[in-house]
Amino acid sequence: MKTGKGEIVTFNKTPIISQTMKLHKNTSNWWIYYSDIFGISLILIAITGTMMLTHGKYTFKQRGWKLALAGIIFPIIVLLILS
């Protein structure tokens, strides 16, 4: 105030990201139902995918559990590093 100088803070919106951010702020009920159905279907696909192969060297008991464990541990490590 004494010097008469100030600072202007502006935010530039990126073209694609700012448009998709509207989905997170959307309060319509259809989007909530859609995301719930989509999440449940992804869980069902993952569970049924583990049961598909029952013979051979690429079964869940042989190799699948390692891939599932990597799919759980890797995102947790990334979250710990970034936070």
PDB file of N, CA and C in Angstrom:
ATOM      1  N   MET A   1       0.818  -1.189   0.000  1.00  0.00           N
ATOM      2  CA  MET A   1       0.000   0.000   0.000  1.00  0.00           C
ATOM      3  C   MET A   1       0.866   1.259   0.000  1.00  0.00           C
ATOM      4  N   LYS A   2       1.989   1.224   0.690  1.00  0.00           N
ATOM      5  CA  LYS A   2       2.823   2.426   0.789  1.00  0.00           C
ATOM      6  C   LYS A   2       3.536   2.734  -0.526  1.00  0.00           C
ATOM      7  N   THR A   3       3.967   1.679  -1.242  1.00  0.00           N
ATOM      8  CA  THR A   3       4.716   1.895  -2.479  1.00  0.00           C
ATOM      9  C   THR A   3       3.804   2.085  -3.673  1.00  0.00           C
ATOM     10  N   GLY A   4       2.577   1.651  -3.590  1.00  0.00           N
ATOM     11  CA  GLY A   4       1.656   1.774  -4.720  1.00  0.00           C
ATOM     12  C   GLY A   4       1.806   0.659  -5.733  1.00  0.00           C
ATOM     13  N   LYS A   5       2.622  -0.339  -5.440  1.00  0.00           N
ATOM     14  CA  LYS A   5       2.817  -1.467  -6.351  1.00  0.00           C
ATOM     15  C   LYS A   5       1.908  -2.614  -5.921  1.00  0.00           C
ATOM     16  N   GLY A   6       1.487  -3.405  -6.892  1.00  0.00           N
ATOM     17  CA  GLY A   6       0.624  -4.542  -6.599  1.00  0.00           C
ATOM     18  C   GLY A   6       0.993  -5.741  -7.450  1.00  0.00           C
ATOM     19  N   GLU A   7       0.321  -6.809  -7.239  1.00  0.00           N
ATOM     20  CA  GLU A   7       0.580  -8.045  -7.968  1.00  0.00           C
ATOM     21  C   GLU A   7      -0.745  -8.596  -8.473  1.00  0.00           C
ATOM     22  N   ILE A   8      -0.780  -8.923  -9.749  1.00  0.00           N
ATOM     23  CA  ILE A   8      -1.981  -9.487 -10.348  1.00  0.00           C
ATOM     24  C   ILE A   8      -1.764 -10.982 -10.537  1.00  0.00           C
ATOM     25  N   VAL A   9      -2.683 -11.764 -10.027  1.00  0.00           N
ATOM     26  CA  VAL A   9      -2.616 -13.213 -10.174  1.00  0.00           C
ATOM     27  C   VAL A   9      -3.720 -13.625 -11.139  1.00  0.00           C
ATOM     28  N   THR A  10      -3.337 -14.299 -12.223  1.00  0.00           N
ATOM     29  CA  THR A  10      -4.319 -14.763 -13.204  1.00  0.00           C
ATOM     30  C   THR A  10      -4.180 -16.265 -13.382  1.00  0.00           C
ATOM     31  N   PHE A  11      -5.242 -16.879 -13.817  1.00  0.00           N
ATOM     32  CA  PHE A  11      -5.248 -18.309 -14.081  1.00  0.00           C
ATOM     33  C   PHE A  11      -5.630 -18.534 -15.535  1.00  0.00           C
ATOM     34  N   ASN A  12      -4.792 -19.236 -16.259  1.00  0.00           N
ATOM     35  CA  ASN A  12      -5.086 -19.583 -17.644  1.00  0.00           C
ATOM     36  C   ASN A  12      -5.680 -20.986 -17.683  1.00  0.00           C
ATOM     37  N   LYS A  13      -6.795 -21.123 -18.379  1.00  0.00           N
ATOM     38  CA  LYS A  13      -7.430 -22.434 -18.505  1.00  0.00           C
ATOM     39  C   LYS A  13      -6.855 -23.166 -19.712  1.00  0.00           C
ATOM     40  N   THR A  14      -6.478 -24.417 -19.506  1.00  0.00           N
ATOM     41  CA  THR A  14      -6.026 -25.229 -20.621  1.00  0.00           C
ATOM     42  C   THR A  14      -7.248 -25.758 -21.367  1.00  0.00           C
ATOM     43  N   PRO A  15      -7.179 -25.890 -22.670  1.00  0.00           N
ATOM     44  CA  PRO A  15      -8.383 -26.196 -23.457  1.00  0.00           C
ATOM     45  C   PRO A  15      -9.092 -27.501 -23.087  1.00  0.00           C
ATOM     46  N   ILE A  16      -8.404 -28.593 -22.996  1.00  0.00           N
ATOM     47  CA  ILE A  16      -9.074 -29.881 -22.780  1.00  0.00           C
ATOM     48  C   ILE A  16      -9.294 -30.151 -21.302  1.00  0.00           C
ATOM     49  N   ILE A  17      -8.306 -29.855 -20.487  1.00  0.00           N
ATOM     50  CA  ILE A  17      -8.399 -30.169 -19.058  1.00  0.00           C
ATOM     51  C   ILE A  17      -9.484 -29.343 -18.375  1.00  0.00           C
ATOM     52  N   SER A  18      -9.599 -28.077 -18.721  1.00  0.00           N
ATOM     53  CA  SER A  18     -10.618 -27.247 -18.073  1.00  0.00           C
ATOM     54  C   SER A  18     -12.022 -27.709 -18.443  1.00  0.00           C
ATOM     55  N   GLN A  19     -12.194 -28.246 -19.640  1.00  0.00           N
ATOM     56  CA  GLN A  19     -13.507 -28.751 -20.041  1.00  0.00           C
ATOM     57  C   GLN A  19     -13.851 -30.045 -19.322  1.00  0.00           C
ATOM     58  N   THR A  20     -12.858 -30.905 -19.101  1.00  0.00           N
ATOM     59  CA  THR A  20     -13.138 -32.149 -18.388  1.00  0.00           C
ATOM     60  C   THR A  20     -13.305 -31.922 -16.895  1.00  0.00           C
ATOM     61  N   MET A  21     -12.773 -30.838 -16.374  1.00  0.00           N
ATOM     62  CA  MET A  21     -12.965 -30.536 -14.953  1.00  0.00           C
ATOM     63  C   MET A  21     -14.426 -30.255 -14.636  1.00  0.00           C
ATOM     64  N   LYS A  22     -15.189 -29.843 -15.637  1.00  0.00           N
ATOM     65  CA  LYS A  22     -16.613 -29.598 -15.432  1.00  0.00           C
ATOM     66  C   LYS A  22     -17.345 -30.881 -15.058  1.00  0.00           C
ATOM     67  N   LEU A  23     -16.827 -32.023 -15.485  1.00  0.00           N
ATOM     68  CA  LEU A  23     -17.450 -33.304 -15.135  1.00  0.00           C
ATOM     69  C   LEU A  23     -17.356 -33.559 -13.642  1.00  0.00           C
ATOM     70  N   HIS A  24     -16.252 -33.160 -13.008  1.00  0.00           N
ATOM     71  CA  HIS A  24     -16.089 -33.365 -11.574  1.00  0.00           C
ATOM     72  C   HIS A  24     -16.962 -32.409 -10.763  1.00  0.00           C
ATOM     73  N   LYS A  25     -17.258 -31.259 -11.332  1.00  0.00           N
ATOM     74  CA  LYS A  25     -18.077 -30.287 -10.630  1.00  0.00           C
ATOM     75  C   LYS A  25     -19.559 -30.427 -10.955  1.00  0.00           C
ATOM     76  N   ASN A  26     -19.884 -31.311 -11.883  1.00  0.00           N
ATOM     77  CA  ASN A  26     -21.268 -31.488 -12.302  1.00  0.00           C
ATOM     78  C   ASN A  26     -22.070 -32.146 -11.183  1.00  0.00           C
ATOM     79  N   THR A  27     -23.219 -31.604 -10.896  1.00  0.00           N
ATOM     80  CA  THR A  27     -24.040 -32.133  -9.811  1.00  0.00           C
ATOM     81  C   THR A  27     -25.262 -32.888 -10.317  1.00  0.00           C
ATOM     82  N   SER A  28     -25.321 -33.163 -11.609  1.00  0.00           N
ATOM     83  CA  SER A  28     -26.483 -33.881 -12.128  1.00  0.00           C
ATOM     84  C   SER A  28     -26.431 -35.344 -11.696  1.00  0.00           C
ATOM     85  N   ASN A  29     -27.589 -35.920 -11.493  1.00  0.00           N
ATOM     86  CA  ASN A  29     -27.656 -37.283 -10.971  1.00  0.00           C
ATOM     87  C   ASN A  29     -27.251 -38.337 -11.997  1.00  0.00           C
ATOM     88  N   TRP A  30     -27.444 -38.084 -13.283  1.00  0.00           N
ATOM     89  CA  TRP A  30     -27.136 -39.120 -14.274  1.00  0.00           C
ATOM     90  C   TRP A  30     -25.652 -39.446 -14.292  1.00  0.00           C
ATOM     91  N   TRP A  31     -24.789 -38.468 -14.065  1.00  0.00           N
ATOM     92  CA  TRP A  31     -23.353 -38.731 -14.097  1.00  0.00           C
ATOM     93  C   TRP A  31     -22.931 -39.597 -12.915  1.00  0.00           C
ATOM     94  N   ILE A  32     -23.560 -39.411 -11.773  1.00  0.00           N
ATOM     95  CA  ILE A  32     -23.253 -40.215 -10.592  1.00  0.00           C
ATOM     96  C   ILE A  32     -23.633 -41.671 -10.846  1.00  0.00           C
ATOM     97  N   TYR A  33     -24.812 -41.897 -11.417  1.00  0.00           N
ATOM     98  CA  TYR A  33     -25.248 -43.264 -11.717  1.00  0.00           C
ATOM     99  C   TYR A  33     -24.370 -43.905 -12.788  1.00  0.00           C
ATOM    100  N   TYR A  34     -24.004 -43.126 -13.797  1.00  0.00           N
ATOM    101  CA  TYR A  34     -23.150 -43.646 -14.856  1.00  0.00           C
ATOM    102  C   TYR A  34     -21.799 -44.079 -14.301  1.00  0.00           C
ATOM    103  N   SER A  35     -21.196 -43.259 -13.461  1.00  0.00           N
ATOM    104  CA  SER A  35     -19.871 -43.603 -12.927  1.00  0.00           C
ATOM    105  C   SER A  35     -19.948 -44.799 -11.988  1.00  0.00           C
ATOM    106  N   ASP A  36     -21.043 -44.933 -11.228  1.00  0.00           N
ATOM    107  CA  ASP A  36     -21.203 -46.105 -10.362  1.00  0.00           C
ATOM    108  C   ASP A  36     -21.336 -47.382 -11.184  1.00  0.00           C
ATOM    109  N   ILE A  37     -22.145 -47.348 -12.227  1.00  0.00           N
ATOM    110  CA  ILE A  37     -22.319 -48.525 -13.091  1.00  0.00           C
ATOM    111  C   ILE A  37     -21.007 -48.870 -13.786  1.00  0.00           C
ATOM    112  N   PHE A  38     -20.284 -47.856 -14.243  1.00  0.00           N
ATOM    113  CA  PHE A  38     -19.005 -48.101 -14.909  1.00  0.00           C
ATOM    114  C   PHE A  38     -17.989 -48.708 -13.950  1.00  0.00           C
ATOM    115  N   GLY A  39     -17.928 -48.215 -12.713  1.00  0.00           N
ATOM    116  CA  GLY A  39     -17.008 -48.765 -11.720  1.00  0.00           C
ATOM    117  C   GLY A  39     -17.330 -50.208 -11.374  1.00  0.00           C
ATOM    118  N   ILE A  40     -18.615 -50.519 -11.209  1.00  0.00           N
ATOM    119  CA  ILE A  40     -19.027 -51.896 -10.912  1.00  0.00           C
ATOM    120  C   ILE A  40     -18.692 -52.813 -12.079  1.00  0.00           C
ATOM    121  N   SER A  41     -18.898 -52.334 -13.310  1.00  0.00           N
ATOM    122  CA  SER A  41     -18.582 -53.179 -14.465  1.00  0.00           C
ATOM    123  C   SER A  41     -17.077 -53.439 -14.576  1.00  0.00           C
ATOM    124  N   LEU A  42     -16.241 -52.459 -14.226  1.00  0.00           N
ATOM    125  CA  LEU A  42     -14.791 -52.687 -14.251  1.00  0.00           C
ATOM    126  C   LEU A  42     -14.368 -53.712 -13.205  1.00  0.00           C
ATOM    127  N   ILE A  43     -15.000 -53.680 -12.037  1.00  0.00           N
ATOM    128  CA  ILE A  43     -14.702 -54.668 -11.003  1.00  0.00           C
ATOM    129  C   ILE A  43     -15.108 -56.063 -11.471  1.00  0.00           C
ATOM    130  N   LEU A  44     -16.277 -56.178 -12.097  1.00  0.00           N
ATOM    131  CA  LEU A  44     -16.735 -57.480 -12.607  1.00  0.00           C
ATOM    132  C   LEU A  44     -15.817 -58.009 -13.709  1.00  0.00           C
ATOM    133  N   ILE A  45     -15.355 -57.123 -14.585  1.00  0.00           N
ATOM    134  CA  ILE A  45     -14.433 -57.553 -15.641  1.00  0.00           C
ATOM    135  C   ILE A  45     -13.125 -58.060 -15.035  1.00  0.00           C
ATOM    136  N   ALA A  46     -12.626 -57.386 -14.005  1.00  0.00           N
ATOM    137  CA  ALA A  46     -11.377 -57.812 -13.364  1.00  0.00           C
ATOM    138  C   ALA A  46     -11.547 -59.157 -12.669  1.00  0.00           C
ATOM    139  N   ILE A  47     -12.668 -59.355 -11.982  1.00  0.00           N
ATOM    140  CA  ILE A  47     -12.888 -60.619 -11.269  1.00  0.00           C
ATOM    141  C   ILE A  47     -13.077 -61.771 -12.245  1.00  0.00           C
ATOM    142  N   THR A  48     -13.902 -61.570 -13.272  1.00  0.00           N
ATOM    143  CA  THR A  48     -14.118 -62.659 -14.232  1.00  0.00           C
ATOM    144  C   THR A  48     -12.869 -62.934 -15.062  1.00  0.00           C
ATOM    145  N   GLY A  49     -12.039 -61.913 -15.270  1.00  0.00           N
ATOM    146  CA  GLY A  49     -10.792 -62.126 -16.001  1.00  0.00           C
ATOM    147  C   GLY A  49      -9.820 -63.018 -15.258  1.00  0.00           C
ATOM    148  N   THR A  50      -9.854 -63.001 -13.933  1.00  0.00           N
ATOM    149  CA  THR A  50      -8.967 -63.872 -13.165  1.00  0.00           C
ATOM    150  C   THR A  50      -9.423 -65.321 -13.213  1.00  0.00           C
ATOM    151  N   MET A  51     -10.684 -65.548 -13.525  1.00  0.00           N
ATOM    152  CA  MET A  51     -11.218 -66.908 -13.541  1.00  0.00           C
ATOM    153  C   MET A  51     -11.240 -67.547 -14.924  1.00  0.00           C
ATOM    154  N   MET A  52     -10.862 -66.817 -15.956  1.00  0.00           N
ATOM    155  CA  MET A  52     -11.007 -67.339 -17.318  1.00  0.00           C
ATOM    156  C   MET A  52     -10.066 -68.501 -17.610  1.00  0.00           C
ATOM    157  N   LEU A  53      -8.799 -68.342 -17.362  1.00  0.00           N
ATOM    158  CA  LEU A  53      -7.837 -69.389 -17.674  1.00  0.00           C
ATOM    159  C   LEU A  53      -7.648 -70.300 -16.463  1.00  0.00           C
ATOM    160  N   THR A  54      -7.954 -71.570 -16.633  1.00  0.00           N
ATOM    161  CA  THR A  54      -7.803 -72.505 -15.524  1.00  0.00           C
ATOM    162  C   THR A  54      -6.724 -73.555 -15.795  1.00  0.00           C
ATOM    163  N   HIS A  55      -6.224 -73.637 -17.026  1.00  0.00           N
ATOM    164  CA  HIS A  55      -5.195 -74.627 -17.362  1.00  0.00           C
ATOM    165  C   HIS A  55      -4.048 -73.932 -18.081  1.00  0.00           C
ATOM    166  N   GLY A  56      -2.875 -74.511 -17.978  1.00  0.00           N
ATOM    167  CA  GLY A  56      -1.716 -73.977 -18.665  1.00  0.00           C
ATOM    168  C   GLY A  56      -0.793 -73.221 -17.730  1.00  0.00           C
ATOM    169  N   LYS A  57       0.186 -72.546 -18.337  1.00  0.00           N
ATOM    170  CA  LYS A  57       1.174 -71.851 -17.526  1.00  0.00           C
ATOM    171  C   LYS A  57       0.808 -70.395 -17.252  1.00  0.00           C
ATOM    172  N   TYR A  58      -0.287 -69.898 -17.807  1.00  0.00           N
ATOM    173  CA  TYR A  58      -0.679 -68.509 -17.606  1.00  0.00           C
ATOM    174  C   TYR A  58      -1.931 -68.385 -16.735  1.00  0.00           C
ATOM    175  N   THR A  59      -2.093 -69.244 -15.755  1.00  0.00           N
ATOM    176  CA  THR A  59      -3.251 -69.175 -14.869  1.00  0.00           C
ATOM    177  C   THR A  59      -3.033 -68.112 -13.800  1.00  0.00           C
ATOM    178  N   PHE A  60      -4.077 -67.836 -13.046  1.00  0.00           N
ATOM    179  CA  PHE A  60      -3.968 -66.846 -11.980  1.00  0.00           C
ATOM    180  C   PHE A  60      -3.033 -67.336 -10.888  1.00  0.00           C
ATOM    181  N   LYS A  61      -3.052 -68.642 -10.609  1.00  0.00           N
ATOM    182  CA  LYS A  61      -2.170 -69.184  -9.572  1.00  0.00           C
ATOM    183  C   LYS A  61      -0.710 -69.141  -9.995  1.00  0.00           C
ATOM    184  N   GLN A  62      -0.450 -69.284 -11.284  1.00  0.00           N
ATOM    185  CA  GLN A  62       0.925 -69.313 -11.780  1.00  0.00           C
ATOM    186  C   GLN A  62       1.509 -67.908 -11.939  1.00  0.00           C
ATOM    187  N   ARG A  63       0.787 -67.036 -12.653  1.00  0.00           N
ATOM    188  CA  ARG A  63       1.339 -65.731 -12.993  1.00  0.00           C
ATOM    189  C   ARG A  63       0.420 -64.573 -12.644  1.00  0.00           C
ATOM    190  N   GLY A  64      -0.865 -64.792 -12.585  1.00  0.00           N
ATOM    191  CA  GLY A  64      -1.827 -63.721 -12.408  1.00  0.00           C
ATOM    192  C   GLY A  64      -1.726 -62.994 -11.086  1.00  0.00           C
ATOM    193  N   TRP A  65      -1.417 -63.718 -10.022  1.00  0.00           N
ATOM    194  CA  TRP A  65      -1.323 -63.072  -8.713  1.00  0.00           C
ATOM    195  C   TRP A  65      -0.171 -62.087  -8.668  1.00  0.00           C
ATOM    196  N   LYS A  66       0.901 -62.380  -9.411  1.00  0.00           N
ATOM    197  CA  LYS A  66       2.034 -61.461  -9.461  1.00  0.00           C
ATOM    198  C   LYS A  66       1.646 -60.167 -10.166  1.00  0.00           C
ATOM    199  N   LEU A  67       0.889 -60.297 -11.260  1.00  0.00           N
ATOM    200  CA  LEU A  67       0.446 -59.117 -11.983  1.00  0.00           C
ATOM    201  C   LEU A  67      -0.560 -58.307 -11.171  1.00  0.00           C
ATOM    202  N   ALA A  68      -1.447 -59.005 -10.463  1.00  0.00           N
ATOM    203  CA  ALA A  68      -2.417 -58.311  -9.613  1.00  0.00           C
ATOM    204  C   ALA A  68      -1.711 -57.586  -8.473  1.00  0.00           C
ATOM    205  N   LEU A  69      -0.719 -58.204  -7.890  1.00  0.00           N
ATOM    206  CA  LEU A  69       0.041 -57.573  -6.817  1.00  0.00           C
ATOM    207  C   LEU A  69       0.801 -56.351  -7.321  1.00  0.00           C
ATOM    208  N   ALA A  70       1.380 -56.463  -8.518  1.00  0.00           N
ATOM    209  CA  ALA A  70       2.074 -55.313  -9.112  1.00  0.00           C
ATOM    210  C   ALA A  70       1.089 -54.187  -9.412  1.00  0.00           C
ATOM    211  N   GLY A  71      -0.121 -54.552  -9.831  1.00  0.00           N
ATOM    212  CA  GLY A  71      -1.132 -53.550 -10.117  1.00  0.00           C
ATOM    213  C   GLY A  71      -1.640 -52.841  -8.878  1.00  0.00           C
ATOM    214  N   ILE A  72      -1.457 -53.436  -7.719  1.00  0.00           N
ATOM    215  CA  ILE A  72      -1.853 -52.791  -6.465  1.00  0.00           C
ATOM    216  C   ILE A  72      -0.689 -52.005  -5.863  1.00  0.00           C
ATOM    217  N   ILE A  73       0.499 -52.585  -5.885  1.00  0.00           N
ATOM    218  CA  ILE A  73       1.654 -51.973  -5.230  1.00  0.00           C
ATOM    219  C   ILE A  73       2.174 -50.753  -5.999  1.00  0.00           C
ATOM    220  N   PHE A  74       2.229 -50.838  -7.319  1.00  0.00           N
ATOM    221  CA  PHE A  74       2.789 -49.746  -8.119  1.00  0.00           C
ATOM    222  C   PHE A  74       2.050 -48.426  -7.914  1.00  0.00           C
ATOM    223  N   PRO A  75       0.715 -48.373  -7.981  1.00  0.00           N
ATOM    224  CA  PRO A  75       0.045 -47.089  -7.717  1.00  0.00           C
ATOM    225  C   PRO A  75       0.238 -46.583  -6.292  1.00  0.00           C
ATOM    226  N   ILE A  76       0.330 -47.488  -5.323  1.00  0.00           N
ATOM    227  CA  ILE A  76       0.547 -47.063  -3.942  1.00  0.00           C
ATOM    228  C   ILE A  76       1.922 -46.419  -3.797  1.00  0.00           C
ATOM    229  N   ILE A  77       2.939 -46.990  -4.430  1.00  0.00           N
ATOM    230  CA  ILE A  77       4.281 -46.406  -4.377  1.00  0.00           C
ATOM    231  C   ILE A  77       4.291 -45.033  -5.029  1.00  0.00           C
ATOM    232  N   VAL A  78       3.634 -44.902  -6.162  1.00  0.00           N
ATOM    233  CA  VAL A  78       3.585 -43.607  -6.850  1.00  0.00           C
ATOM    234  C   VAL A  78       2.878 -42.580  -5.983  1.00  0.00           C
ATOM    235  N   LEU A  79       1.787 -42.970  -5.325  1.00  0.00           N
ATOM    236  CA  LEU A  79       1.077 -42.040  -4.446  1.00  0.00           C
ATOM    237  C   LEU A  79       1.934 -41.612  -3.265  1.00  0.00           C
ATOM    238  N   LEU A  80       2.707 -42.545  -2.717  1.00  0.00           N
ATOM    239  CA  LEU A  80       3.586 -42.206  -1.598  1.00  0.00           C
ATOM    240  C   LEU A  80       4.714 -41.274  -2.012  1.00  0.00           C
ATOM    241  N   ILE A  81       5.230 -41.472  -3.214  1.00  0.00           N
ATOM    242  CA  ILE A  81       6.314 -40.620  -3.701  1.00  0.00           C
ATOM    243  C   ILE A  81       5.803 -39.220  -4.013  1.00  0.00           C
ATOM    244  N   LEU A  82       4.617 -39.123  -4.615  1.00  0.00           N
ATOM    245  CA  LEU A  82       4.088 -37.818  -5.016  1.00  0.00           C
ATOM    246  C   LEU A  82       3.504 -37.020  -3.870  1.00  0.00           C
ATOM    247  N   SER A  83       3.130 -37.685  -2.784  1.00  0.00           N
ATOM    248  CA  SER A  83       2.521 -36.917  -1.692  1.00  0.00           C
ATOM    249  C   SER A  83       3.506 -36.544  -0.610  1.00  0.00           C
TER     250      SER A  83
END
